[in-house]
């Protein structure tokens, strides 16, 4: 069986990583980013639900008395 020649793997992998880095940099540089991002004022919406005005209690099965 012939031996697998791995002498070019390092160059192949390094060139692939460098190419991916360059492509990603070019893709990111095409986007417009705001120089000074500012927070937009947001309103908090209050929803009235029927269970907000009622007192509710959730019983855990472990806290119930033994039967």
Protein backbone atom coordinates (compact mmCIF):
# COMPACT_ATOMS: atom_id res chain seq x y z
CA UNK A 1 0.00 0.00 0.00
CA UNK A 2 1.39 3.45 -0.85
CA UNK A 3 2.08 5.94 1.93
CA UNK A 4 -0.10 9.00 2.19
CA UNK A 5 1.89 12.11 1.38
CA UNK A 6 1.15 14.67 4.12
CA UNK A 7 3.92 17.11 3.29
CA UNK A 8 1.55 19.61 1.62
CA UNK A 9 -1.14 19.53 4.28
CA UNK A 10 0.32 22.35 6.34
CA UNK A 11 0.46 24.75 3.37
CA UNK A 12 -3.01 23.73 2.25
CA UNK A 13 -4.58 24.24 5.67
CA UNK A 14 -2.78 27.53 6.30
CA UNK A 15 -3.75 28.94 2.93
CA UNK A 16 -7.35 27.89 3.50
CA UNK A 17 -7.44 29.62 6.91
CA UNK A 18 -5.90 32.79 5.51
CA UNK A 19 -8.34 32.79 2.59
CA UNK A 20 -11.30 32.35 4.92
CA UNK A 21 -10.06 35.17 7.12
CA UNK A 22 -9.71 37.51 4.13
CA UNK A 23 -13.13 36.60 2.76
CA UNK A 24 -14.77 37.19 6.13
CA UNK A 25 -12.99 40.51 6.55
CA UNK A 26 -14.21 41.63 3.15
CA UNK A 27 -17.76 40.59 3.96
CA UNK A 28 -17.75 42.42 7.29
CA UNK A 29 -16.19 45.56 5.81
CA UNK A 30 -19.08 45.88 3.36
CA UNK A 31 -21.56 46.47 6.18
CA UNK A 32 -22.23 49.94 7.48
CA UNK A 33 -21.76 50.24 11.21
CA UNK A 34 -22.89 53.32 13.14
CA UNK A 35 -19.95 55.18 14.58
CA UNK A 36 -21.76 56.17 17.77
CA UNK A 37 -24.63 53.84 18.65
CA UNK A 38 -27.25 55.43 20.84
CA UNK A 39 -29.94 53.81 22.91
CA UNK A 40 -33.47 54.25 21.68
CA UNK A 41 -36.07 55.03 24.32
CA UNK A 42 -38.30 52.04 24.76
CA UNK A 43 -41.73 52.00 26.32
CA UNK A 44 -42.58 49.24 28.69
CA UNK A 45 -45.92 47.74 27.82
CA UNK A 46 -48.07 46.63 30.71
CA UNK A 47 -50.45 43.81 30.03
CA UNK A 48 -53.27 43.19 32.41
CA UNK A 49 -53.88 39.53 32.96
CA UNK A 50 -56.64 38.05 35.05
CA UNK A 51 -54.25 36.33 37.46
CA UNK A 52 -52.41 39.54 38.38
CA UNK A 53 -55.22 40.77 40.59
CA UNK A 54 -55.89 37.40 42.22
CA UNK A 55 -53.88 35.64 44.86
CA UNK A 56 -52.77 32.27 43.66
CA UNK A 57 -50.89 29.54 45.39
CA UNK A 58 -49.17 26.61 43.77
CA UNK A 59 -49.03 23.51 45.88
CA UNK A 60 -45.96 21.38 45.57
CA UNK A 61 -46.69 17.65 45.78
CA UNK A 62 -43.98 17.30 48.42
CA UNK A 63 -45.56 19.91 50.69
CA UNK A 64 -48.99 18.29 50.73
CA UNK A 65 -49.91 16.26 53.80
CA UNK A 66 -49.47 12.52 53.58
CA UNK A 67 -52.58 10.54 52.87
